[in-house]
């Protein structure tokens, strides 16, 4: 995409997914292998127990994950935990295992294809979504559940036999997970690969179309896809890679949060009932129980706790061209579950309803700028699901909004939280762990789909 190309269609999202071969196939798989999910009380989950001392909810095998408590205190709080830096406590998912998110690639007819699977998760609002070739926790692929083995796992357990396009350990949602990491991998093969039921080869072009067409590509697939090179030339960035790393490192060294895991029963402001764990003011999220059945999963039925957000969020990049080079406005995000204090994320990443009871000054900088954007400036707009294995019906609105204003000036006292970064600089950061958060990775996959469209242009949205 260059500075003179234009397309009003970029802002006009339509559900064109029905015309895509992968969507027809996805729906056919769904008809043949439906998943049945129903909510149930936390206290009745089979295979799970509440620790009598801590109140933590854990699997009887000691594997999979635990719902525990987290206490967060800002560095400027006084010794009693009060004052201007007062913190909070909350439930958190503690899943120390590193899972595998692996995408198999192969050139077919001169075009690189990717092997995706139609995967149903208990938290998906639409059951089946396109997921990576392998999407499995260590407990799953070591068969703690005594279920079926994970297809194609061997390609990612010993990838050196093939061409490795990406292999990076990345974080997950730091507000809901405690130091959770997954290994994001893309492995290219030349050999013939037998096609198992529920798997299909597709192209990056089709996946790009599907990202804007509807909620078809799951979060884990989006995270892995973000590690592919961005379209277009690198261009001229406003900040060098060294300047960006120094800026992020300085924010990490501030260490504004003191975080420690605590017993779930020690979490204040939250109420445990036989049905769920919920905030006393019905905010943020609930911890609920579900029962799931599917004949096509590693085990045919299971029960588990899940985190259910109260409402959807907004995840957005502001996009601007400087001397013909596209830049997105990134922000330093600090979340208590991060392994390294802070990561680079979208311009805005929040659930607006969580701030409804607070004064306007407490709301995220530039949220109003995003929500008030005229339709002509919204280049990407789709509501997409988050990870359906742990989160129940968690969906966020993903946006890329073009601007010709200086949002850093609009951020006021928060200007140093923001930097303009090019897609190629993000690609370089993605070669390393814990620099780019999962919300940004999802949005980067969407950004790539936008930048690869020959009919999209910045129009007047550029600077010098």
Protein backbone atom coordinates (compact mmCIF):
# COMPACT_ATOMS: atom_id res chain seq x y z
CA UNK A 1 0.00 0.00 0.00
CA UNK A 2 1.31 3.46 -0.87
CA UNK A 3 0.31 6.98 0.00
CA UNK A 4 -1.77 7.64 -3.10
CA UNK A 5 -3.99 4.53 -3.11
CA UNK A 6 -7.55 4.82 -1.80
CA UNK A 7 -10.53 2.71 -0.89
CA UNK A 8 -13.71 3.68 0.86
CA UNK A 9 -14.50 -0.03 1.02
CA UNK A 10 -11.85 -0.48 3.69
CA UNK A 11 -14.18 1.21 6.16
CA UNK A 12 -17.25 -0.74 5.02
CA UNK A 13 -17.00 -4.07 6.77
CA UNK A 14 -19.49 -6.64 5.47
CA UNK A 15 -19.99 -10.28 6.35
CA UNK A 16 -18.56 -11.62 3.11
CA UNK A 17 -17.40 -14.76 4.85
CA UNK A 18 -20.19 -16.93 3.47
CA UNK A 19 -18.52 -16.82 0.05
CA UNK A 20 -15.18 -18.09 1.36
CA UNK A 21 -14.36 -21.80 0.89
CA UNK A 22 -13.02 -22.10 4.44
CA UNK A 23 -16.27 -20.78 5.91
CA UNK A 24 -18.42 -23.26 3.99
CA UNK A 25 -16.07 -26.01 5.15
CA UNK A 26 -16.11 -24.66 8.73
CA UNK A 27 -19.89 -24.78 8.81
CA UNK A 28 -19.94 -28.29 7.37
CA UNK A 29 -17.57 -29.48 10.10
CA UNK A 30 -19.79 -27.76 12.64
CA UNK A 31 -22.84 -29.62 11.44
CA UNK A 32 -21.00 -32.94 11.70
CA UNK A 33 -19.33 -32.33 15.06
CA UNK A 34 -21.38 -29.92 17.12
CA UNK A 35 -20.21 -29.03 20.62
CA UNK A 36 -22.82 -28.79 23.36
CA UNK A 37 -22.00 -26.41 26.20
CA UNK A 38 -24.05 -25.53 29.26
CA UNK A 39 -23.26 -23.47 32.32
CA UNK A 40 -23.21 -25.18 35.70
CA UNK A 41 -22.37 -24.24 39.30
CA UNK A 42 -18.69 -23.96 40.18
CA UNK A 43 -19.20 -26.16 43.22
CA UNK A 44 -20.48 -29.05 41.09
CA UNK A 45 -17.63 -29.28 38.56
CA UNK A 46 -16.50 -32.89 38.17
CA UNK A 47 -12.73 -33.30 38.44
CA UNK A 48 -12.25 -29.93 40.15
CA UNK A 49 -12.03 -29.07 43.82
CA UNK A 50 -11.83 -26.07 46.11
CA UNK A 51 -8.77 -26.08 48.34
CA UNK A 52 -10.10 -26.05 51.92
CA UNK A 53 -7.38 -23.66 53.13
CA UNK A 54 -6.91 -21.23 50.23
CA UNK A 55 -10.24 -21.41 48.42
CA UNK A 56 -8.34 -21.86 45.12
CA UNK A 57 -10.17 -23.83 42.44
CA UNK A 58 -7.88 -26.51 41.02
CA UNK A 59 -7.98 -29.71 39.00
CA UNK A 60 -7.66 -32.88 41.03
CA UNK A 61 -4.72 -34.02 38.89
CA UNK A 62 -2.77 -30.91 39.90
CA UNK A 63 -2.44 -30.04 36.18
CA UNK A 64 -4.23 -27.82 33.65
CA UNK A 65 -4.76 -24.57 35.63
CA UNK A 66 -5.84 -23.06 38.93
CA UNK A 67 -8.13 -20.13 39.69
CA UNK A 68 -6.27 -18.29 42.46
CA UNK A 69 -6.11 -14.75 43.84
CA UNK A 70 -3.83 -11.85 42.96
CA UNK A 71 -3.03 -8.78 45.04
CA UNK A 72 -1.72 -5.72 43.21
CA UNK A 73 -0.29 -2.63 44.89
CA UNK A 74 1.18 0.40 43.23
CA UNK A 75 4.71 1.37 44.16
CA UNK A 76 3.65 4.77 45.48
CA UNK A 77 1.20 3.27 48.01
CA UNK A 78 2.11 3.63 51.66
CA UNK A 79 2.95 0.75 53.98
CA UNK A 80 -0.74 0.13 54.72
CA UNK A 81 -1.54 -0.16 51.01
CA UNK A 82 -3.56 3.07 51.02
CA UNK A 83 -3.14 6.54 49.62
CA UNK A 84 -2.71 7.64 45.98
CA UNK A 85 -1.26 4.31 44.93
CA UNK A 86 -3.96 2.07 46.40
CA UNK A 87 -4.17 -1.21 44.49
CA UNK A 88 -6.69 -3.99 44.16
CA UNK A 89 -7.15 -7.74 44.34
CA UNK A 90 -8.82 -10.10 41.89
CA UNK A 91 -9.17 -13.71 40.78
CA UNK A 92 -6.55 -14.82 38.23
CA UNK A 93 -5.92 -17.93 36.13
CA UNK A 94 -2.59 -19.51 37.05
CA UNK A 95 -1.51 -21.83 34.23
CA UNK A 96 2.27 -22.21 34.41
CA UNK A 97 2.46 -24.64 31.48
CA UNK A 98 3.74 -23.37 28.13
CA UNK A 99 1.35 -24.43 25.37
CA UNK A 100 2.06 -24.92 21.67
CA UNK A 101 0.39 -22.76 19.02
CA UNK A 102 1.78 -24.20 15.81
CA UNK A 103 0.89 -23.40 12.21
CA UNK A 104 2.11 -25.76 9.49
CA UNK A 105 2.98 -24.15 6.13
CA UNK A 106 3.53 -25.72 2.70
CA UNK A 107 3.85 -24.40 -0.83
CA UNK A 108 1.00 -25.72 -2.98
CA UNK A 109 0.77 -24.68 -6.62
CA UNK A 110 3.41 -22.01 -6.06
CA UNK A 111 1.46 -20.38 -3.22
CA UNK A 112 2.21 -20.79 0.48
CA UNK A 113 -0.69 -22.44 2.29
CA UNK A 114 -1.34 -22.94 6.00
CA UNK A 115 -2.93 -25.96 7.63
CA UNK A 116 -5.77 -24.81 9.87
CA UNK A 117 -8.20 -26.82 11.92
CA UNK A 118 -11.88 -26.28 12.67
CA UNK A 119 -11.76 -26.14 16.45
CA UNK A 120 -14.68 -25.79 18.80
CA UNK A 121 -14.04 -24.36 22.26
CA UNK A 122 -16.51 -24.15 25.14
CA UNK A 123 -16.12 -20.38 25.32
CA UNK A 124 -16.67 -19.68 21.61
CA UNK A 125 -19.99 -17.96 20.93
CA UNK A 126 -20.08 -19.62 17.49
CA UNK A 127 -18.52 -23.01 18.38
CA UNK A 128 -16.07 -23.71 15.53
CA UNK A 129 -13.39 -21.25 14.46
CA UNK A 130 -10.24 -21.57 12.36
CA UNK A 131 -7.33 -22.31 14.68
CA UNK A 132 -3.65 -23.19 14.27
CA UNK A 133 -2.65 -26.69 13.21
CA UNK A 134 -1.75 -27.43 16.82
CA UNK A 135 -3.32 -25.57 19.72
CA UNK A 136 -2.63 -27.50 22.89
CA UNK A 137 -1.45 -27.07 26.46
CA UNK A 138 1.24 -29.37 27.81
CA UNK A 139 -1.40 -31.18 29.88
CA UNK A 140 -3.35 -31.81 26.67
CA UNK A 141 -0.54 -33.07 24.49
CA UNK A 142 0.96 -35.21 27.27
CA UNK A 143 -2.56 -36.70 27.59
CA UNK A 144 -3.19 -36.05 31.27
CA UNK A 145 -6.88 -36.37 30.36
CA UNK A 146 -6.18 -39.84 28.87
CA UNK A 147 -7.78 -38.73 25.62
CA UNK A 148 -6.72 -38.93 21.99
CA UNK A 149 -3.32 -37.71 20.83
CA UNK A 150 -2.87 -34.30 19.17
CA UNK A 151 -2.53 -34.52 15.35
CA UNK A 152 0.62 -33.06 13.73
CA UNK A 153 2.28 -32.39 17.09
CA UNK A 154 5.57 -34.02 15.98
CA UNK A 155 6.22 -31.23 13.44
CA UNK A 156 6.48 -28.76 16.35
CA UNK A 157 8.24 -30.98 18.88
CA UNK A 158 11.23 -31.41 16.55
CA UNK A 159 10.96 -28.51 14.07
CA UNK A 160 14.64 -28.59 13.11
CA UNK A 161 13.88 -31.17 10.42
CA UNK A 162 11.99 -28.46 8.55
CA UNK A 163 12.15 -24.72 7.86
CA UNK A 164 11.19 -22.72 10.95
CA UNK A 165 9.57 -19.41 9.99
CA UNK A 166 8.74 -18.37 13.55
CA UNK A 167 9.36 -19.81 17.01
CA UNK A 168 8.79 -17.39 19.90
CA UNK A 169 7.39 -17.74 23.41
CA UNK A 170 4.75 -15.02 23.87
CA UNK A 171 2.53 -13.80 26.70
CA UNK A 172 -1.23 -14.04 27.00
CA UNK A 173 -3.73 -11.61 28.61
CA UNK A 174 -1.95 -10.13 31.62
CA UNK A 175 -5.18 -9.01 33.29
CA UNK A 176 -6.63 -12.53 33.37
CA UNK A 177 -3.59 -14.87 33.33
CA UNK A 178 -0.65 -14.99 35.74
CA UNK A 179 2.54 -15.09 33.64
CA UNK A 180 0.92 -17.33 31.00
CA UNK A 181 3.03 -18.00 27.91
CA UNK A 182 2.56 -19.96 24.70
CA UNK A 183 5.07 -21.02 22.08
CA UNK A 184 4.03 -19.42 18.78
CA UNK A 185 5.43 -21.41 15.86
CA UNK A 186 5.26 -21.51 12.06
CA UNK A 187 7.00 -24.51 10.46
CA UNK A 188 7.22 -24.94 6.68
CA UNK A 189 7.44 -28.43 5.18
CA UNK A 190 8.04 -29.74 1.68
CA UNK A 191 6.86 -33.31 2.23
CA UNK A 192 3.34 -34.58 1.64
CA UNK A 193 1.10 -34.17 4.69
CA UNK A 194 -1.85 -36.52 5.16
CA UNK A 195 -4.99 -34.47 5.77
CA UNK A 196 -6.84 -35.46 8.95
CA UNK A 197 -10.56 -34.87 9.40
CA UNK A 198 -11.25 -31.34 10.55
CA UNK A 199 -8.14 -29.84 8.91
CA UNK A 200 -7.80 -27.78 5.74
CA UNK A 201 -5.13 -25.96 3.74
CA UNK A 202 -5.83 -22.27 3.17
CA UNK A 203 -3.88 -19.19 2.07
CA UNK A 204 -2.85 -16.08 3.93
CA UNK A 205 -4.98 -14.07 1.50
CA UNK A 206 -8.12 -15.95 2.45
CA UNK A 207 -7.31 -15.64 6.16
CA UNK A 208 -6.87 -11.90 5.68
CA UNK A 209 -10.31 -11.63 4.07
CA UNK A 210 -11.87 -13.67 6.86
CA UNK A 211 -10.46 -11.41 9.57
CA UNK A 212 -12.63 -8.54 8.33
CA UNK A 213 -15.57 -10.69 7.25
CA UNK A 214 -16.61 -12.04 10.64
CA UNK A 215 -15.57 -13.96 13.74
CA UNK A 216 -13.94 -16.89 11.95
CA UNK A 217 -10.22 -16.81 12.85
CA UNK A 218 -9.55 -17.53 16.50
CA UNK A 219 -7.24 -15.58 18.79
CA UNK A 220 -4.45 -18.15 18.77
CA UNK A 221 -4.37 -18.22 14.96
CA UNK A 222 -4.26 -14.42 14.88
CA UNK A 223 -1.36 -14.42 17.34
CA UNK A 224 0.65 -16.85 15.22
CA UNK A 225 -0.18 -15.06 11.95
CA UNK A 226 1.19 -11.80 13.39
CA UNK A 227 4.70 -13.32 13.20
CA UNK A 228 4.63 -13.38 9.38
CA UNK A 229 6.40 -10.49 7.60
CA UNK A 230 4.18 -7.44 6.98
CA UNK A 231 3.28 -6.39 3.43
CA UNK A 232 5.22 -3.60 1.77
CA UNK A 233 8.66 -2.07 2.14
CA UNK A 234 10.08 -1.13 5.56
CA UNK A 235 9.99 2.59 4.81
CA UNK A 236 11.41 5.25 7.11
CA UNK A 237 10.47 4.96 10.79
CA UNK A 238 10.13 7.94 13.10
CA UNK A 239 12.08 6.18 15.86
CA UNK A 240 14.98 3.76 15.60
CA UNK A 241 14.70 0.27 17.03
CA UNK A 242 17.23 1.23 19.69
CA UNK A 243 15.15 4.23 20.74
CA UNK A 244 12.02 2.06 21.02
CA UNK A 245 13.78 -0.58 23.11
CA UNK A 246 15.27 2.05 25.42
CA UNK A 247 11.84 3.69 25.85
CA UNK A 248 10.14 0.38 26.73
CA UNK A 249 12.98 -0.66 29.04
CA UNK A 250 12.74 2.64 30.92
CA UNK A 251 9.04 2.03 31.57
CA UNK A 252 9.77 -1.51 32.72
CA UNK A 253 12.35 -0.23 35.19
CA UNK A 254 9.79 2.02 36.84
CA UNK A 255 8.06 -1.13 38.19
CA UNK A 256 4.89 0.66 39.28
CA UNK A 257 3.15 -2.53 40.47
CA UNK A 258 3.89 -4.95 43.28
CA UNK A 259 2.16 -8.20 42.45
CA UNK A 260 1.81 -11.37 44.48
CA UNK A 261 -0.38 -14.41 44.26
CA UNK A 262 -2.71 -14.82 47.27
CA UNK A 263 -5.38 -17.36 48.22
CA UNK A 264 -8.62 -16.90 46.32
CA UNK A 265 -10.48 -16.59 49.62
CA UNK A 266 -8.24 -13.60 50.52
CA UNK A 267 -9.38 -11.58 47.49
CA UNK A 268 -11.39 -8.56 48.65
CA UNK A 269 -14.30 -7.03 46.77
CA UNK A 270 -15.30 -10.36 45.23
CA UNK A 271 -18.04 -12.76 46.33
CA UNK A 272 -17.95 -16.56 46.07
CA UNK A 273 -21.25 -18.45 45.80
CA UNK A 274 -21.89 -22.07 44.82
CA UNK A 275 -22.62 -20.78 41.29
CA UNK A 276 -19.76 -18.39 40.58
CA UNK A 277 -17.19 -15.87 41.73
CA UNK A 278 -18.27 -12.30 40.97
CA UNK A 279 -17.27 -8.73 41.80
CA UNK A 280 -19.37 -7.20 44.57
CA UNK A 281 -20.55 -4.44 42.21
CA UNK A 282 -21.14 -6.83 39.26
CA UNK A 283 -18.17 -5.42 37.30
CA UNK A 284 -15.23 -6.74 35.30
CA UNK A 285 -15.79 -10.52 35.00
CA UNK A 286 -17.21 -13.62 36.66
CA UNK A 287 -15.67 -17.04 37.19
CA UNK A 288 -18.28 -19.60 36.12
CA UNK A 289 -18.48 -23.36 35.51
CA UNK A 290 -19.31 -25.10 32.21
CA UNK A 291 -19.99 -28.62 30.99
CA UNK A 292 -18.88 -29.37 27.40
CA UNK A 293 -19.47 -32.34 25.10
CA UNK A 294 -17.90 -32.97 21.70
CA UNK A 295 -17.26 -36.26 19.94
CA UNK A 296 -14.35 -34.74 18.01
CA UNK A 297 -12.16 -33.45 20.84
CA UNK A 298 -9.34 -35.32 22.60
CA UNK A 299 -11.91 -36.21 25.29
CA UNK A 300 -15.62 -36.36 24.52
CA UNK A 301 -16.89 -34.53 27.62
CA UNK A 302 -15.41 -32.45 30.43
CA UNK A 303 -16.17 -29.73 32.94
CA UNK A 304 -14.11 -26.69 33.86
CA UNK A 305 -14.11 -23.17 35.31
CA UNK A 306 -14.10 -20.27 32.84
CA UNK A 307 -13.70 -16.51 33.07
CA UNK A 308 -16.72 -14.64 31.66
CA UNK A 309 -16.21 -10.91 30.99
CA UNK A 310 -19.15 -8.68 31.79
CA UNK A 311 -19.00 -6.92 28.41
CA UNK A 312 -16.91 -6.51 25.31
CA UNK A 313 -13.91 -4.23 24.98
CA UNK A 314 -12.26 -1.93 22.44
CA UNK A 315 -8.84 -2.72 20.97
CA UNK A 316 -7.59 -0.16 18.47
CA UNK A 317 -4.61 1.22 16.61
CA UNK A 318 -4.45 4.78 15.38
CA UNK A 319 -2.74 4.70 11.97
CA UNK A 320 -0.88 7.54 10.26
CA UNK A 321 1.49 7.82 7.33
CA UNK A 322 4.72 9.75 7.76
CA UNK A 323 6.61 10.40 4.50
CA UNK A 324 4.80 7.51 2.84
CA UNK A 325 5.48 5.02 5.65
CA UNK A 326 2.54 3.67 7.70
CA UNK A 327 2.92 3.93 11.48
CA UNK A 328 0.62 2.77 14.26
CA UNK A 329 0.48 4.46 17.63
CA UNK A 330 1.54 1.92 20.25
CA UNK A 331 1.25 2.27 24.00
CA UNK A 332 3.11 0.80 26.95
CA UNK A 333 0.67 -1.40 28.86
CA UNK A 334 1.31 -2.63 32.40
CA UNK A 335 -0.72 -5.62 33.48
CA UNK A 336 -0.27 -7.57 36.72
CA UNK A 337 0.05 -10.94 35.02
CA UNK A 338 2.95 -10.01 32.73
CA UNK A 339 6.25 -11.77 33.26
CA UNK A 340 8.23 -8.57 32.58
CA UNK A 341 6.22 -5.64 33.98
CA UNK A 342 5.13 -4.01 30.70
CA UNK A 343 4.63 -4.79 27.03
CA UNK A 344 3.89 -2.86 23.87
CA UNK A 345 0.18 -2.84 23.02
CA UNK A 346 -2.48 -1.07 20.98
CA UNK A 347 -3.27 2.64 21.20
CA UNK A 348 -6.37 1.75 23.20
CA UNK A 349 -7.04 -1.54 24.96
CA UNK A 350 -9.86 -1.46 27.49
CA UNK A 351 -13.42 -2.35 28.43
CA UNK A 352 -15.17 1.05 28.48
CA UNK A 353 -17.82 -0.14 30.93
CA UNK A 354 -15.15 -0.78 33.56
CA UNK A 355 -14.62 2.98 33.75
CA UNK A 356 -18.28 4.05 33.83
CA UNK A 357 -18.20 4.68 37.59
CA UNK A 358 -14.96 6.70 37.42
CA UNK A 359 -14.37 10.36 36.48
CA UNK A 360 -13.44 11.09 32.85
CA UNK A 361 -9.83 11.75 33.88
CA UNK A 362 -9.48 8.09 34.87
CA UNK A 363 -10.45 6.77 31.45
CA UNK A 364 -7.75 5.55 29.04
CA UNK A 365 -6.12 8.31 26.97
CA UNK A 366 -7.40 8.53 23.38
CA UNK A 367 -10.45 6.28 24.02
CA UNK A 368 -12.75 9.19 23.16
CA UNK A 369 -10.72 9.86 19.99
CA UNK A 370 -11.24 6.26 18.86
CA UNK A 371 -14.94 6.03 19.71
CA UNK A 372 -15.73 9.38 18.05
CA UNK A 373 -13.89 8.58 14.80
CA UNK A 374 -15.97 9.28 11.67
CA UNK A 375 -16.78 6.23 9.59
CA UNK A 376 -14.53 7.35 6.72
CA UNK A 377 -11.47 7.05 8.99
CA UNK A 378 -12.25 3.54 10.27
CA UNK A 379 -10.20 1.30 7.98
CA UNK A 380 -10.75 -1.95 9.88
CA UNK A 381 -13.65 -2.82 12.18
CA UNK A 382 -14.51 -6.34 13.32
CA UNK A 383 -15.72 -7.97 16.52
CA UNK A 384 -13.47 -10.95 17.25
CA UNK A 385 -13.34 -13.60 19.97
CA UNK A 386 -10.63 -14.06 22.54
CA UNK A 387 -9.32 -17.49 23.59
CA UNK A 388 -12.32 -19.81 23.96
CA UNK A 389 -10.61 -22.46 26.07
CA UNK A 390 -10.49 -20.27 29.19
CA UNK A 391 -12.77 -17.29 28.43
CA UNK A 392 -16.53 -17.60 27.95
CA UNK A 393 -17.99 -15.45 25.14
CA UNK A 394 -15.15 -12.94 25.41
CA UNK A 395 -15.37 -10.70 22.34
CA UNK A 396 -13.76 -7.36 21.57
CA UNK A 397 -14.15 -4.77 18.85
CA UNK A 398 -10.89 -4.52 16.87
CA UNK A 399 -10.31 -1.24 15.04
CA UNK A 400 -7.72 0.48 12.88
CA UNK A 401 -8.51 4.17 12.66
CA UNK A 402 -6.67 6.55 10.33
CA UNK A 403 -5.76 9.97 11.69
CA UNK A 404 -3.98 13.12 10.57
CA UNK A 405 -3.92 14.63 14.06
CA UNK A 406 -1.17 14.34 16.62
CA UNK A 407 -2.65 11.91 19.17
CA UNK A 408 0.42 12.22 21.39
CA UNK A 409 -0.55 15.84 22.02
CA UNK A 410 -4.11 14.72 22.83
CA UNK A 411 -2.76 12.30 25.43
CA UNK A 412 -1.75 15.17 27.71
CA UNK A 413 0.31 14.03 30.69
CA UNK A 414 0.39 10.50 29.28
CA UNK A 415 2.37 11.37 26.12
CA UNK A 416 5.39 9.29 27.09
CA UNK A 417 3.26 6.13 27.11
CA UNK A 418 2.90 6.37 23.31
CA UNK A 419 5.21 5.93 20.30
CA UNK A 420 4.67 5.71 16.54
CA UNK A 421 5.97 2.34 15.28
CA UNK A 422 6.02 0.87 11.77
CA UNK A 423 4.70 -2.62 10.94
CA UNK A 424 8.23 -3.77 10.12
CA UNK A 425 9.50 -2.58 13.49
CA UNK A 426 6.72 -4.55 15.17
CA UNK A 427 7.77 -7.58 13.13
CA UNK A 428 11.32 -7.21 14.46
CA UNK A 429 10.08 -6.97 18.05
CA UNK A 430 7.92 -10.05 17.53
CA UNK A 431 11.04 -12.14 17.00
CA UNK A 432 11.56 -11.84 20.77
CA UNK A 433 9.44 -12.74 23.79
CA UNK A 434 7.38 -10.32 25.86
CA UNK A 435 7.70 -7.18 23.77
CA UNK A 436 4.30 -7.17 22.00
CA UNK A 437 1.16 -8.16 23.90
CA UNK A 438 -1.51 -10.56 22.68
CA UNK A 439 -4.06 -7.83 21.92
CA UNK A 440 -1.54 -6.08 19.70
CA UNK A 441 -0.62 -9.36 18.02
CA UNK A 442 -4.26 -9.97 17.10
CA UNK A 443 -4.52 -6.41 15.81
CA UNK A 444 -1.25 -6.76 13.84
CA UNK A 445 -2.75 -9.70 11.94
CA UNK A 446 -5.73 -7.45 11.14
CA UNK A 447 -3.37 -4.62 10.17
CA UNK A 448 -1.52 -6.92 7.77
CA UNK A 449 -4.83 -7.80 6.12
CA UNK A 450 -5.52 -4.09 5.67
CA UNK A 451 -2.06 -3.19 4.34
CA UNK A 452 -2.10 -6.09 1.88
CA UNK A 453 -5.28 -4.82 0.21
CA UNK A 454 -4.26 -2.99 -3.01
CA UNK A 455 -7.37 -0.76 -2.86
CA UNK A 456 -6.66 0.69 0.58
CA UNK A 457 -4.89 4.01 0.96
CA UNK A 458 -4.31 6.65 3.60
CA UNK A 459 -5.85 9.45 1.55
CA UNK A 460 -5.23 12.63 3.48
CA UNK A 461 -4.25 10.80 6.66
CA UNK A 462 -0.54 11.45 6.63
CA UNK A 463 2.05 13.61 8.23
CA UNK A 464 5.57 14.82 7.83
